[in-house]
Amino acid sequence: MPRVSRRAPLRPGVLFDVTEVRRLETVRKDFVANVSHELRTPIAAVMSAAETLRTAARTDPAATGSFVEIIERNARRWRSGARLAGPVRIESKEFRLAVDTFDLPRVARTLEFHEERATPKRMRMSAALPPQLPAVRGDATALERVLSNLIDNAVKYCPEGAAVVVTAEDLVASSA
């Protein structure tokens, strides 16, 4: 006896390749995560400096300049909407470095922005820079941003009591 199939009849259909849609969803999620991170870091630094400034203004007026500088630098960084779109700008090849000459100790002060969050974890934050370190040509803001992200991740993911040390060396002088 012939076997009879009880399956539904085949019907024509349309297939769509959703690979690109999925990739764009991933890019969007990554972008949102990066924007969120880029906002949190300067906001935390500004809040910390403002709170310390409020106390320091009464007890140590000479220290206020340093905290005002932290607030101003992070406010500029935060205000710069183009910085939030960094990953998108890099991928689209629109990213341009603002090359200038600067001192590395200025960039190493990025540690100060993270000290308040590192203190409860008893983390030690320091910069170990040679005294005769020459000025550097590059984009100080971009380097501060990279260093800030690295320090932020160290504070988040290193165990309690860890040491975070920013260091540099003059490779030209050491090879001579």
N, C-alpha and C. Protein backbone atom coordinates (compact mmCIF):
# COMPACT_ATOMS: atom_id res chain seq x y z
N MET A 1 0.82 -1.16 0.00
CA MET A 1 0.00 0.00 0.00
C MET A 1 0.89 1.25 0.00
N PRO A 2 0.60 2.25 -0.84
CA PRO A 2 1.43 3.45 -0.90
C PRO A 2 1.29 4.27 0.37
N ARG A 3 2.37 4.87 0.72
CA ARG A 3 2.38 5.71 1.94
C ARG A 3 1.89 7.12 1.58
N VAL A 4 1.00 7.69 2.38
CA VAL A 4 0.44 9.01 2.14
C VAL A 4 1.01 9.98 3.18
N SER A 5 1.50 11.07 2.70
CA SER A 5 2.08 12.08 3.61
C SER A 5 0.99 13.01 4.10
N ARG A 6 1.05 13.33 5.37
CA ARG A 6 0.07 14.25 5.96
C ARG A 6 0.68 15.65 6.18
N ARG A 7 1.79 15.91 5.59
CA ARG A 7 2.42 17.22 5.73
C ARG A 7 1.65 18.25 4.92
N ALA A 8 1.79 19.51 5.38
CA ALA A 8 1.14 20.60 4.66
C ALA A 8 1.84 20.78 3.32
N PRO A 9 1.12 21.24 2.33
CA PRO A 9 1.74 21.45 1.02
C PRO A 9 2.78 22.57 1.10
N LEU A 10 3.79 22.48 0.26
CA LEU A 10 4.82 23.51 0.21
C LEU A 10 4.25 24.77 -0.41
N ARG A 11 4.64 25.89 0.17
CA ARG A 11 4.18 27.18 -0.34
C ARG A 11 5.40 28.03 -0.66
N PRO A 12 5.28 28.85 -1.67
CA PRO A 12 6.42 29.71 -2.00
C PRO A 12 6.64 30.73 -0.88
N GLY A 13 7.87 31.15 -0.70
CA GLY A 13 8.20 32.13 0.35
C GLY A 13 9.34 33.02 -0.11
N VAL A 14 9.64 33.99 0.72
CA VAL A 14 10.72 34.93 0.45
C VAL A 14 11.69 34.87 1.61
N LEU A 15 12.96 34.79 1.31
CA LEU A 15 14.00 34.78 2.33
C LEU A 15 14.75 36.10 2.30
N PHE A 16 15.11 36.58 3.48
CA PHE A 16 15.88 37.82 3.59
C PHE A 16 17.17 37.51 4.31
N ASP A 17 18.27 38.06 3.81
CA ASP A 17 19.56 37.95 4.48
C ASP A 17 19.62 39.06 5.53
N VAL A 18 19.63 38.69 6.80
CA VAL A 18 19.63 39.68 7.88
C VAL A 18 21.02 39.86 8.51
N THR A 19 22.04 39.35 7.83
CA THR A 19 23.40 39.45 8.37
C THR A 19 23.79 40.90 8.61
N GLU A 20 23.55 41.77 7.64
CA GLU A 20 23.92 43.18 7.78
C GLU A 20 23.12 43.86 8.88
N VAL A 21 21.85 43.52 9.01
CA VAL A 21 21.01 44.09 10.06
C VAL A 21 21.55 43.70 11.43
N ARG A 22 21.94 42.45 11.58
CA ARG A 22 22.49 41.98 12.87
C ARG A 22 23.82 42.69 13.17
N ARG A 23 24.65 42.86 12.14
CA ARG A 23 25.93 43.55 12.34
C ARG A 23 25.70 44.98 12.78
N LEU A 24 24.75 45.66 12.16
CA LEU A 24 24.45 47.04 12.53
C LEU A 24 23.88 47.13 13.94
N GLU A 25 23.10 46.14 14.35
CA GLU A 25 22.60 46.11 15.73
C GLU A 25 23.76 46.00 16.71
N THR A 26 24.74 45.18 16.39
CA THR A 26 25.91 45.02 17.25
C THR A 26 26.71 46.32 17.31
N VAL A 27 26.89 46.98 16.16
CA VAL A 27 27.61 48.26 16.12
C VAL A 27 26.88 49.28 16.98
N ARG A 28 25.56 49.33 16.88
CA ARG A 28 24.76 50.28 17.67
C ARG A 28 24.92 50.00 19.16
N LYS A 29 24.85 48.73 19.57
CA LYS A 29 25.01 48.38 20.99
C LYS A 29 26.39 48.76 21.50
N ASP A 30 27.42 48.48 20.70
CA ASP A 30 28.79 48.85 21.09
C ASP A 30 28.94 50.35 21.21
N PHE A 31 28.33 51.08 20.27
CA PHE A 31 28.41 52.54 20.30
C PHE A 31 27.76 53.08 21.58
N VAL A 32 26.58 52.57 21.92
CA VAL A 32 25.89 53.03 23.13
C VAL A 32 26.73 52.72 24.37
N ALA A 33 27.35 51.55 24.40
CA ALA A 33 28.20 51.20 25.54
C ALA A 33 29.40 52.15 25.63
N ASN A 34 30.01 52.48 24.49
CA ASN A 34 31.15 53.41 24.49
C ASN A 34 30.74 54.80 24.90
N VAL A 35 29.61 55.28 24.42
CA VAL A 35 29.12 56.62 24.79
C VAL A 35 28.87 56.67 26.29
N SER A 36 28.24 55.63 26.81
CA SER A 36 27.95 55.58 28.24
C SER A 36 29.25 55.65 29.05
N HIS A 37 30.25 54.89 28.63
CA HIS A 37 31.53 54.90 29.33
C HIS A 37 32.20 56.27 29.23
N GLU A 38 32.16 56.86 28.04
CA GLU A 38 32.79 58.16 27.83
C GLU A 38 32.12 59.26 28.65
N LEU A 39 30.84 59.12 28.94
CA LEU A 39 30.14 60.11 29.77
C LEU A 39 30.44 59.91 31.25
N ARG A 40 30.47 58.65 31.68
CA ARG A 40 30.67 58.37 33.11
C ARG A 40 32.02 58.85 33.61
N THR A 41 33.08 58.62 32.83
CA THR A 41 34.43 58.95 33.30
C THR A 41 34.60 60.43 33.61
N PRO A 42 34.31 61.37 32.67
CA PRO A 42 34.51 62.78 33.02
C PRO A 42 33.51 63.27 34.05
N ILE A 43 32.31 62.74 34.06
CA ILE A 43 31.32 63.17 35.07
C ILE A 43 31.83 62.81 36.46
N ALA A 44 32.36 61.60 36.62
CA ALA A 44 32.89 61.18 37.92
C ALA A 44 34.05 62.07 38.35
N ALA A 45 34.92 62.41 37.41
CA ALA A 45 36.07 63.26 37.73
C ALA A 45 35.62 64.67 38.12
N VAL A 46 34.65 65.22 37.40
CA VAL A 46 34.16 66.56 37.72
C VAL A 46 33.48 66.57 39.08
N MET A 47 32.66 65.57 39.35
CA MET A 47 31.98 65.50 40.65
C MET A 47 32.98 65.38 41.79
N SER A 48 33.97 64.52 41.62
CA SER A 48 34.98 64.33 42.66
C SER A 48 35.76 65.62 42.91
N ALA A 49 36.19 66.26 41.83
CA ALA A 49 36.96 67.50 41.97
C ALA A 49 36.11 68.61 42.59
N ALA A 50 34.84 68.69 42.20
CA ALA A 50 33.95 69.73 42.75
C ALA A 50 33.74 69.52 44.25
N GLU A 51 33.53 68.27 44.67
CA GLU A 51 33.34 67.99 46.09
C GLU A 51 34.60 68.33 46.89
N THR A 52 35.75 67.93 46.35
CA THR A 52 37.01 68.23 47.03
C THR A 52 37.27 69.73 47.05
N LEU A 53 36.94 70.40 45.95
CA LEU A 53 37.12 71.85 45.86
C LEU A 53 36.29 72.57 46.92
N ARG A 54 35.09 72.09 47.14
CA ARG A 54 34.22 72.71 48.14
C ARG A 54 34.91 72.69 49.51
N THR A 55 35.53 71.59 49.85
CA THR A 55 36.23 71.48 51.14
C THR A 55 37.55 72.23 51.12
N ALA A 56 38.30 72.07 50.03
CA ALA A 56 39.64 72.68 49.94
C ALA A 56 39.57 74.20 49.92
N ALA A 57 38.51 74.75 49.37
CA ALA A 57 38.39 76.21 49.31
C ALA A 57 38.38 76.81 50.70
N ARG A 58 37.83 76.07 51.65
CA ARG A 58 37.78 76.57 53.04
C ARG A 58 39.07 76.30 53.79
N THR A 59 39.68 75.12 53.54
CA THR A 59 40.83 74.72 54.35
C THR A 59 42.18 74.97 53.68
N ASP A 60 42.24 74.93 52.34
CA ASP A 60 43.51 75.10 51.63
C ASP A 60 43.28 75.84 50.31
N PRO A 61 43.13 77.15 50.37
CA PRO A 61 42.83 77.92 49.16
C PRO A 61 43.86 77.74 48.04
N ALA A 62 45.10 77.44 48.38
CA ALA A 62 46.14 77.27 47.35
C ALA A 62 45.88 76.03 46.49
N ALA A 63 45.19 75.04 47.04
CA ALA A 63 44.94 73.79 46.30
C ALA A 63 43.79 73.91 45.30
N THR A 64 43.03 74.98 45.39
CA THR A 64 41.84 75.09 44.55
C THR A 64 42.17 75.13 43.06
N GLY A 65 43.29 75.71 42.68
CA GLY A 65 43.67 75.80 41.27
C GLY A 65 43.75 74.44 40.59
N SER A 66 44.30 73.46 41.28
CA SER A 66 44.44 72.12 40.73
C SER A 66 43.06 71.49 40.47
N PHE A 67 42.14 71.69 41.40
CA PHE A 67 40.81 71.10 41.24
C PHE A 67 40.00 71.82 40.17
N VAL A 68 40.19 73.12 40.06
CA VAL A 68 39.52 73.87 38.99
C VAL A 68 40.03 73.38 37.64
N GLU A 69 41.33 73.12 37.54
CA GLU A 69 41.91 72.61 36.29
C GLU A 69 41.29 71.25 35.93
N ILE A 70 41.12 70.37 36.89
CA ILE A 70 40.50 69.07 36.65
C ILE A 70 39.08 69.25 36.13
N ILE A 71 38.34 70.13 36.75
CA ILE A 71 36.95 70.37 36.33
C ILE A 71 36.92 70.93 34.91
N GLU A 72 37.76 71.90 34.64
CA GLU A 72 37.77 72.51 33.30
C GLU A 72 38.16 71.50 32.23
N ARG A 73 39.19 70.72 32.49
CA ARG A 73 39.66 69.75 31.50
C ARG A 73 38.59 68.72 31.20
N ASN A 74 37.92 68.22 32.23
CA ASN A 74 36.89 67.21 32.01
C ASN A 74 35.62 67.81 31.41
N ALA A 75 35.33 69.05 31.74
CA ALA A 75 34.17 69.71 31.14
C ALA A 75 34.39 69.87 29.64
N ARG A 76 35.62 70.24 29.24
CA ARG A 76 35.92 70.33 27.80
C ARG A 76 35.79 68.97 27.14
N ARG A 77 36.29 67.97 27.80
CA ARG A 77 36.24 66.60 27.25
C ARG A 77 34.79 66.14 27.12
N TRP A 78 33.99 66.45 28.11
CA TRP A 78 32.59 66.04 28.12
C TRP A 78 31.79 66.81 27.08
N ARG A 79 32.05 68.10 26.98
CA ARG A 79 31.32 68.96 26.06
C ARG A 79 31.58 68.58 24.61
N SER A 80 32.72 68.05 24.34
CA SER A 80 33.09 67.72 22.97
C SER A 80 32.28 66.52 22.47
N GLY A 81 31.20 66.79 21.83
CA GLY A 81 30.33 65.72 21.30
C GLY A 81 31.05 64.85 20.31
N ALA A 82 32.03 65.40 19.62
CA ALA A 82 32.77 64.61 18.65
C ALA A 82 33.53 63.49 19.33
N ARG A 83 33.95 63.71 20.57
CA ARG A 83 34.68 62.67 21.30
C ARG A 83 33.79 61.47 21.60
N LEU A 84 32.50 61.73 21.81
CA LEU A 84 31.59 60.62 22.10
C LEU A 84 31.43 59.70 20.91
N ALA A 85 31.58 60.23 19.74
CA ALA A 85 31.42 59.44 18.52
C ALA A 85 32.76 58.88 18.06
N GLY A 86 33.74 58.82 18.95
CA GLY A 86 35.08 58.35 18.60
C GLY A 86 35.12 57.05 17.83
N PRO A 87 34.49 55.98 18.32
CA PRO A 87 34.56 54.71 17.58
C PRO A 87 33.97 54.82 16.18
N VAL A 88 32.90 55.58 16.03
CA VAL A 88 32.29 55.75 14.72
C VAL A 88 33.22 56.56 13.82
N ARG A 89 33.81 57.62 14.36
CA ARG A 89 34.72 58.46 13.57
C ARG A 89 35.95 57.67 13.15
N ILE A 90 36.47 56.82 14.01
CA ILE A 90 37.65 56.03 13.66
C ILE A 90 37.30 55.07 12.53
N GLU A 91 36.17 54.38 12.65
CA GLU A 91 35.76 53.45 11.60
C GLU A 91 35.49 54.15 10.28
N SER A 92 34.98 55.36 10.31
CA SER A 92 34.66 56.07 9.07
C SER A 92 35.87 56.82 8.52
N LYS A 93 37.02 56.68 9.16
CA LYS A 93 38.26 57.32 8.74
C LYS A 93 38.21 58.84 8.83
N GLU A 94 37.33 59.39 9.67
CA GLU A 94 37.25 60.83 9.88
C GLU A 94 38.09 61.29 11.06
N PHE A 95 38.64 60.38 11.81
CA PHE A 95 39.39 60.70 13.02
C PHE A 95 40.71 61.38 12.66
N ARG A 96 40.99 62.51 13.28
CA ARG A 96 42.23 63.24 13.07
C ARG A 96 42.84 63.57 14.43
N LEU A 97 44.11 63.28 14.57
CA LEU A 97 44.81 63.62 15.80
C LEU A 97 45.17 65.10 15.79
N ALA A 98 45.07 65.73 16.95
CA ALA A 98 45.50 67.12 17.11
C ALA A 98 46.93 67.08 17.66
N VAL A 99 47.89 67.00 16.78
CA VAL A 99 49.29 66.82 17.17
C VAL A 99 49.88 68.13 17.68
N ASP A 100 50.51 68.02 18.86
CA ASP A 100 51.15 69.15 19.49
C ASP A 100 52.25 68.60 20.39
N THR A 101 53.03 69.47 20.99
CA THR A 101 54.07 69.05 21.92
C THR A 101 53.54 69.24 23.34
N PHE A 102 53.73 68.22 24.18
CA PHE A 102 53.25 68.30 25.57
C PHE A 102 54.14 67.46 26.47
N ASP A 103 54.01 67.71 27.76
CA ASP A 103 54.77 66.97 28.77
C ASP A 103 53.94 65.80 29.28
N LEU A 104 54.57 64.64 29.43
CA LEU A 104 53.86 63.46 29.92
C LEU A 104 53.34 63.60 31.35
N PRO A 105 54.04 64.32 32.24
CA PRO A 105 53.47 64.47 33.58
C PRO A 105 52.07 65.07 33.57
N ARG A 106 51.78 65.94 32.62
CA ARG A 106 50.43 66.51 32.49
C ARG A 106 49.42 65.39 32.24
N VAL A 107 49.76 64.47 31.35
CA VAL A 107 48.87 63.36 31.02
C VAL A 107 48.76 62.39 32.20
N ALA A 108 49.87 62.20 32.90
CA ALA A 108 49.87 61.27 34.04
C ALA A 108 48.96 61.73 35.17
N ARG A 109 48.64 63.04 35.21
CA ARG A 109 47.72 63.54 36.24
C ARG A 109 46.31 62.97 36.06
N THR A 110 46.09 62.24 34.96
CA THR A 110 44.82 61.55 34.75
C THR A 110 44.52 60.63 35.94
N LEU A 111 45.56 60.17 36.62
CA LEU A 111 45.37 59.33 37.81
C LEU A 111 44.47 60.02 38.85
N GLU A 112 44.61 61.34 38.97
CA GLU A 112 43.85 62.09 39.98
C GLU A 112 42.34 61.92 39.80
N PHE A 113 41.90 61.75 38.54
CA PHE A 113 40.47 61.64 38.27
C PHE A 113 39.86 60.37 38.86
N HIS A 114 40.68 59.38 39.12
CA HIS A 114 40.18 58.06 39.53
C HIS A 114 40.46 57.73 40.99
N GLU A 115 41.16 58.63 41.69
CA GLU A 115 41.55 58.33 43.07
C GLU A 115 40.37 58.10 44.00
N GLU A 116 39.31 58.87 43.82
CA GLU A 116 38.16 58.72 44.72
C GLU A 116 37.55 57.32 44.62
N ARG A 117 37.49 56.79 43.40
CA ARG A 117 36.93 55.44 43.22
C ARG A 117 37.92 54.36 43.65
N ALA A 118 39.21 54.66 43.60
CA ALA A 118 40.23 53.68 43.97
C ALA A 118 40.40 53.57 45.48
N THR A 119 40.13 54.65 46.20
CA THR A 119 40.34 54.68 47.65
C THR A 119 39.57 53.60 48.41
N PRO A 120 38.26 53.42 48.14
CA PRO A 120 37.54 52.37 48.89
C PRO A 120 38.12 50.97 48.66
N LYS A 121 38.78 50.76 47.52
CA LYS A 121 39.38 49.46 47.22
C LYS A 121 40.83 49.40 47.72
N ARG A 122 41.25 50.46 48.44
CA ARG A 122 42.62 50.54 48.97
C ARG A 122 43.67 50.34 47.86
N MET A 123 43.38 50.88 46.70
CA MET A 123 44.31 50.80 45.57
C MET A 123 45.31 51.94 45.67
N ARG A 124 46.56 51.65 45.29
CA ARG A 124 47.61 52.67 45.27
C ARG A 124 47.76 53.16 43.84
N MET A 125 47.68 54.47 43.65
CA MET A 125 47.79 55.08 42.33
C MET A 125 49.04 55.95 42.33
N SER A 126 49.90 55.77 41.31
CA SER A 126 51.10 56.61 41.25
C SER A 126 51.60 56.71 39.81
N ALA A 127 52.45 57.69 39.62
CA ALA A 127 53.14 57.88 38.34
C ALA A 127 54.63 57.75 38.60
N ALA A 128 55.30 56.93 37.80
CA ALA A 128 56.74 56.74 37.93
C ALA A 128 57.39 57.22 36.63
N LEU A 129 57.61 58.52 36.58
CA LEU A 129 58.17 59.13 35.37
C LEU A 129 59.58 59.63 35.66
N PRO A 130 60.55 59.33 34.79
CA PRO A 130 61.91 59.83 35.00
C PRO A 130 61.93 61.36 35.00
N PRO A 131 62.77 61.97 35.80
CA PRO A 131 62.78 63.44 35.90
C PRO A 131 63.21 64.13 34.61
N GLN A 132 64.03 63.50 33.79
CA GLN A 132 64.54 64.14 32.57
C GLN A 132 63.74 63.73 31.32
N LEU A 133 62.51 63.30 31.49
CA LEU A 133 61.70 62.86 30.36
C LEU A 133 61.43 64.03 29.42
N PRO A 134 61.75 63.89 28.13
CA PRO A 134 61.55 65.00 27.20
C PRO A 134 60.07 65.18 26.85
N ALA A 135 59.75 66.34 26.30
CA ALA A 135 58.39 66.59 25.81
C ALA A 135 58.09 65.61 24.68
N VAL A 136 56.81 65.38 24.44
CA VAL A 136 56.35 64.39 23.47
C VAL A 136 55.50 65.10 22.41
N ARG A 137 55.58 64.63 21.16
CA ARG A 137 54.69 65.14 20.12
C ARG A 137 53.57 64.13 19.92
N GLY A 138 52.35 64.60 19.99
CA GLY A 138 51.20 63.74 19.80
C GLY A 138 49.93 64.48 20.18
N ASP A 139 48.86 63.75 20.35
CA ASP A 139 47.57 64.32 20.74
C ASP A 139 47.38 64.07 22.24
N ALA A 140 47.62 65.09 23.04
CA ALA A 140 47.54 64.94 24.51
C ALA A 140 46.15 64.52 24.95
N THR A 141 45.11 65.08 24.34
CA THR A 141 43.74 64.74 24.73
C THR A 141 43.44 63.28 24.42
N ALA A 142 43.87 62.82 23.25
CA ALA A 142 43.65 61.41 22.89
C ALA A 142 44.41 60.49 23.84
N LEU A 143 45.65 60.86 24.17
CA LEU A 143 46.43 60.03 25.10
C LEU A 143 45.79 60.04 26.49
N GLU A 144 45.32 61.20 26.95
CA GLU A 144 44.62 61.27 28.24
C GLU A 144 43.40 60.36 28.23
N ARG A 145 42.68 60.36 27.13
CA ARG A 145 41.47 59.54 27.01
C ARG A 145 41.80 58.06 27.09
N VAL A 146 42.83 57.63 26.35
CA VAL A 146 43.25 56.23 26.38
C VAL A 146 43.71 55.85 27.78
N LEU A 147 44.57 56.68 28.36
CA LEU A 147 45.08 56.41 29.70
C LEU A 147 43.95 56.39 30.73
N SER A 148 43.01 57.32 30.61
CA SER A 148 41.87 57.35 31.52
C SER A 148 41.04 56.08 31.43
N ASN A 149 40.81 55.60 30.21
CA ASN A 149 40.06 54.35 30.05
C ASN A 149 40.80 53.17 30.65
N LEU A 150 42.13 53.13 30.47
CA LEU A 150 42.92 52.04 31.06
C LEU A 150 42.88 52.09 32.59
N ILE A 151 43.03 53.28 33.15
CA ILE A 151 42.98 53.42 34.61
C ILE A 151 41.59 53.08 35.13
N ASP A 152 40.55 53.55 34.42
CA ASP A 152 39.18 53.25 34.80
C ASP A 152 38.96 51.74 34.86
N ASN A 153 39.44 51.03 33.85
CA ASN A 153 39.31 49.57 33.83
C ASN A 153 40.13 48.92 34.94
N ALA A 154 41.30 49.47 35.24
CA ALA A 154 42.11 48.92 36.34
C ALA A 154 41.38 49.06 37.67
N VAL A 155 40.76 50.22 37.89
CA VAL A 155 40.02 50.44 39.14
C VAL A 155 38.83 49.48 39.22
N LYS A 156 38.17 49.29 38.10
CA LYS A 156 37.00 48.40 38.08
C LYS A 156 37.37 46.94 38.29
N TYR A 157 38.43 46.47 37.62
CA TYR A 157 38.66 45.03 37.53
C TYR A 157 39.83 44.50 38.33
N CYS A 158 40.71 45.37 38.84
CA CYS A 158 41.82 44.87 39.66
C CYS A 158 41.31 44.57 41.07
N PRO A 159 41.96 43.64 41.73
CA PRO A 159 41.52 43.30 43.08
C PRO A 159 41.83 44.40 44.08
N GLU A 160 41.18 44.32 45.21
CA GLU A 160 41.40 45.27 46.29
C GLU A 160 42.89 45.28 46.66
N GLY A 161 43.43 46.48 46.90
CA GLY A 161 44.83 46.61 47.29
C GLY A 161 45.82 46.64 46.13
N ALA A 162 45.34 46.57 44.91
CA ALA A 162 46.24 46.56 43.74
C ALA A 162 46.91 47.92 43.57
N ALA A 163 48.00 47.93 42.84
CA ALA A 163 48.71 49.17 42.53
C ALA A 163 48.51 49.49 41.05
N VAL A 164 48.21 50.75 40.76
CA VAL A 164 48.09 51.23 39.39
C VAL A 164 49.22 52.25 39.22
N VAL A 165 50.16 51.93 38.33
CA VAL A 165 51.33 52.78 38.14
C VAL A 165 51.42 53.19 36.67
N VAL A 166 51.47 54.50 36.44
CA VAL A 166 51.68 55.03 35.10
C VAL A 166 53.17 55.27 34.98
N THR A 167 53.77 54.69 33.95
CA THR A 167 55.21 54.80 33.78
C THR A 167 55.54 55.09 32.32
N ALA A 168 56.71 55.66 32.10
CA ALA A 168 57.20 55.94 30.75
C ALA A 168 58.72 55.95 30.81
N GLU A 169 59.32 55.79 29.63
CA GLU A 169 60.77 55.90 29.57
C GLU A 169 61.16 56.53 28.24
N ASP A 170 62.30 57.16 28.24
CA ASP A 170 62.84 57.79 27.04
C ASP A 170 63.61 56.72 26.27
N LEU A 171 62.98 56.17 25.22
CA LEU A 171 63.63 55.11 24.45
C LEU A 171 64.80 55.61 23.62
N VAL A 172 64.75 56.88 23.22
CA VAL A 172 65.84 57.45 22.45
C VAL A 172 67.09 57.56 23.32
N ALA A 173 66.95 58.09 24.52
CA ALA A 173 68.09 58.25 25.44
C ALA A 173 68.62 56.89 25.89
N SER A 174 67.72 55.92 26.11
CA SER A 174 68.17 54.63 26.61
C SER A 174 68.85 53.79 25.53
N SER A 175 68.65 54.12 24.24
CA SER A 175 69.30 53.36 23.16
C SER A 175 70.64 53.98 22.76
N ALA A 176 70.92 55.16 23.27
CA ALA A 176 72.17 55.85 22.89
C ALA A 176 73.35 55.34 23.68
